[in-house]
C-alpha atoms as a PDB file:
ATOM      1  CA  GLY A   1       0.000   0.000   0.000  1.00  0.00           C
ATOM      2  CA  TYR A   2       2.777   2.533   0.748  1.00  0.00           C
ATOM      3  CA  LEU A   3       4.120   2.610  -2.828  1.00  0.00           C
ATOM      4  CA  VAL A   4       0.645   3.000  -4.332  1.00  0.00           C
ATOM      5  CA  ASN A   5      -0.219   5.697  -1.797  1.00  0.00           C
ATOM      6  CA  THR A   6       2.941   7.616  -2.767  1.00  0.00           C
ATOM      7  CA  VAL A   7       2.198   7.245  -6.492  1.00  0.00           C
ATOM      8  CA  GLY A   8      -1.421   8.282  -5.886  1.00  0.00           C
ATOM      9  CA  GLN A   9      -0.291  11.426  -4.048  1.00  0.00           C
ATOM     10  CA  LYS A  10       2.057  12.315  -6.930  1.00  0.00           C
ATOM     11  CA  LEU A  11      -0.698  11.755  -9.494  1.00  0.00           C
ATOM     12  CA  GLN A  12      -3.128  13.829  -7.411  1.00  0.00           C
ATOM     13  CA  LYS A  13      -0.975  16.996  -7.146  1.00  0.00           C
ATOM     14  CA  PRO A  14      -1.618  18.315 -10.678  1.00  0.00           C
ATOM     15  CA  THR A  15      -5.385  18.037 -10.126  1.00  0.00           C
ATOM     16  CA  GLN A  16      -5.152  20.490  -7.214  1.00  0.00           C
ATOM     17  CA  MET A  17      -3.405  23.335  -9.061  1.00  0.00           C
ATOM     18  CA  TYR A  18      -5.023  25.720 -11.496  1.00  0.00           C
ATOM     19  CA  GLY A  19      -3.636  25.311 -14.989  1.00  0.00           C
ATOM     20  CA  SER A  20      -2.252  21.824 -14.396  1.00  0.00           C
ATOM     21  CA  ARG A  21      -3.590  18.712 -16.020  1.00  0.00           C
ATOM     22  CA  PRO A  22      -3.645  15.221 -14.498  1.00  0.00           C
ATOM     23  CA  TYR A  23      -1.247  12.635 -15.895  1.00  0.00           C
ATOM     24  CA  GLY A  24      -4.134  10.708 -17.438  1.00  0.00           C
ATOM     25  CA  VAL A  25      -2.705   7.205 -17.054  1.00  0.00           C
ATOM     26  CA  GLY A  26      -3.830   4.081 -15.270  1.00  0.00           C
ATOM     27  CA  ILE A  27      -1.313   1.763 -13.630  1.00  0.00           C
ATOM     28  CA  LEU A  28      -1.583  -1.733 -12.190  1.00  0.00           C
ATOM     29  CA  VAL A  29       0.808  -2.397  -9.321  1.00  0.00           C
ATOM     30  CA  ALA A  30       1.217  -5.912  -7.957  1.00  0.00           C
ATOM     31  CA  GLY A  31       3.133  -6.759  -4.828  1.00  0.00           C
ATOM     32  CA  TYR A  32       3.587  -9.196  -2.012  1.00  0.00           C
ATOM     33  CA  ASP A  33       4.104  -8.460   1.683  1.00  0.00           C
ATOM     34  CA  ARG A  34       3.611 -10.161   5.052  1.00  0.00           C
ATOM     35  CA  ASP A  35      -0.174 -10.039   4.470  1.00  0.00           C
ATOM     36  CA  GLY A  36       0.090 -11.827   1.117  1.00  0.00           C
ATOM     37  CA  PRO A  37      -0.331 -10.731  -2.510  1.00  0.00           C
ATOM     38  CA  HIS A  38      -1.953  -7.425  -3.455  1.00  0.00           C
ATOM     39  CA  ILE A  39      -2.930  -5.705  -6.681  1.00  0.00           C
ATOM     40  CA  PHE A  40      -3.740  -2.016  -6.923  1.00  0.00           C
ATOM     41  CA  GLN A  41      -5.156   0.054  -9.765  1.00  0.00           C
ATOM     42  CA  THR A  42      -4.510   3.759 -10.190  1.00  0.00           C
ATOM     43  CA  CYS A  43      -6.985   5.617 -12.393  1.00  0.00           C
ATOM     44  CA  PRO A  44      -6.393   8.572 -14.733  1.00  0.00           C
ATOM     45  CA  SER A  45      -8.302  10.640 -12.159  1.00  0.00           C
ATOM     46  CA  ALA A  46      -5.479   9.843  -9.654  1.00  0.00           C
ATOM     47  CA  ASN A  47      -7.709   7.659  -7.458  1.00  0.00           C
ATOM     48  CA  TYR A  48      -6.391   4.259  -6.496  1.00  0.00           C
ATOM     49  CA  TYR A  49      -8.044   1.037  -5.352  1.00  0.00           C
ATOM     50  CA  GLU A  50      -6.996  -2.362  -4.078  1.00  0.00           C
ATOM     51  CA  CYS A  51      -8.489  -5.105  -6.262  1.00  0.00           C
ATOM     52  CA  LYS A  52      -8.890  -8.862  -6.133  1.00  0.00           C
ATOM     53  CA  ALA A  53      -8.186  -9.156  -9.878  1.00  0.00           C
ATOM     54  CA  MET A  54      -8.041  -6.431 -12.526  1.00  0.00           C
ATOM     55  CA  ALA A  55      -7.277  -5.705 -16.160  1.00  0.00           C
ATOM     56  CA  ILE A  56      -7.014  -2.225 -17.661  1.00  0.00           C
ATOM     57  CA  GLY A  57      -6.548  -0.804 -21.134  1.00  0.00           C
ATOM     58  CA  ALA A  58      -8.000  -1.314 -24.579  1.00  0.00           C
ATOM     59  CA  ARG A  59     -10.030  -4.530 -24.964  1.00  0.00           C
ATOM     60  CA  SER A  60      -9.638  -5.302 -21.243  1.00  0.00           C
ATOM     61  CA  GLN A  61     -13.334  -6.003 -20.622  1.00  0.00           C
ATOM     62  CA  SER A  62     -13.059  -9.618 -21.767  1.00  0.00           C
ATOM     63  CA  ALA A  63     -10.095 -10.166 -19.432  1.00  0.00           C
ATOM     64  CA  ARG A  64     -12.026  -8.627 -16.519  1.00  0.00           C
ATOM     65  CA  THR A  65     -14.957 -10.916 -17.320  1.00  0.00           C
ATOM     66  CA  TYR A  66     -12.647 -13.952 -17.290  1.00  0.00           C
ATOM     67  CA  LEU A  67     -11.046 -12.859 -14.001  1.00  0.00           C
ATOM     68  CA  GLU A  68     -14.429 -12.181 -12.356  1.00  0.00           C
ATOM     69  CA  LYS A  69     -15.651 -15.615 -13.404  1.00  0.00           C
ATOM     70  CA  HIS A  70     -12.608 -17.452 -11.975  1.00  0.00           C
ATOM     71  CA  PHE A  71     -11.208 -15.328  -9.134  1.00  0.00           C
ATOM     72  CA  LYS A  72     -12.858 -17.367  -6.364  1.00  0.00           C
ATOM     73  CA  THR A  73     -10.616 -20.301  -7.340  1.00  0.00           C
ATOM     74  CA  PHE A  74      -7.381 -18.259  -7.171  1.00  0.00           C
ATOM     75  CA  PRO A  75      -6.631 -18.780  -3.442  1.00  0.00           C
ATOM     76  CA  ASP A  76      -6.502 -22.554  -4.008  1.00  0.00           C
ATOM     77  CA  CYS A  77      -4.301 -22.362  -7.121  1.00  0.00           C
ATOM     78  CA  GLU A  78      -0.617 -23.167  -7.370  1.00  0.00           C
ATOM     79  CA  PRO A  79       1.611 -20.449  -8.898  1.00  0.00           C
ATOM     80  CA  ASP A  80       1.732 -22.175 -12.314  1.00  0.00           C
ATOM     81  CA  GLN A  81      -2.081 -22.356 -12.369  1.00  0.00           C
ATOM     82  CA  LEU A  82      -2.282 -18.627 -11.587  1.00  0.00           C
ATOM     83  CA  ILE A  83       0.089 -17.911 -14.470  1.00  0.00           C
ATOM     84  CA  ARG A  84      -2.165 -19.950 -16.773  1.00  0.00           C
ATOM     85  CA  HIS A  85      -5.196 -17.947 -15.617  1.00  0.00           C
ATOM     86  CA  GLY A  86      -3.325 -14.712 -16.350  1.00  0.00           C
ATOM     87  CA  LEU A  87      -2.367 -15.910 -19.820  1.00  0.00           C
ATOM     88  CA  ARG A  88      -5.928 -17.012 -20.567  1.00  0.00           C
ATOM     89  CA  ALA A  89      -7.207 -13.600 -19.500  1.00  0.00           C
ATOM     90  CA  LEU A  90      -4.628 -11.949 -21.780  1.00  0.00           C
ATOM     91  CA  ARG A  91      -5.572 -14.277 -24.634  1.00  0.00           C
ATOM     92  CA  ASP A  92      -9.168 -13.077 -24.405  1.00  0.00           C
ATOM     93  CA  CYS A  93      -7.950  -9.508 -25.066  1.00  0.00           C
ATOM     94  CA  LEU A  94      -6.096 -10.317 -28.279  1.00  0.00           C
ATOM     95  CA  ARG A  95      -7.487  -9.686 -31.708  1.00  0.00           C
ATOM     96  CA  ASN A  96      -8.764 -12.826 -33.391  1.00  0.00           C
ATOM     97  CA  GLU A  97      -5.753 -13.110 -35.705  1.00  0.00           C
ATOM     98  CA  ALA A  98      -3.192 -12.625 -32.906  1.00  0.00           C
ATOM     99  CA  GLU A  99      -1.712 -15.560 -31.047  1.00  0.00           C
ATOM    100  CA  LEU A 100      -0.332 -15.557 -27.518  1.00  0.00           C
ATOM    101  CA  SER A 101       3.011 -17.348 -27.497  1.00  0.00           C
END
């Protein structure tokens, strides 16, 4: 949380000054601490949220749908199974002619 809080504060500063524009980017930050794994999303508006599973960017809705459908199984998964879930979610975002290799 500390890193995301610091990034969120930096992203928020331009929104508080007249004549400044926000950065306008979203960032996903993943980390692991004594409490376990965490994933945070920062929004173009400089808000940030802790998520259970998230995808951002163009064509990310299908990945979010996949993650929402399967995220209850994630705590019981081995690391290689989690990687497969991530790759399947990414695959759903690709154009039809693209192949994930």
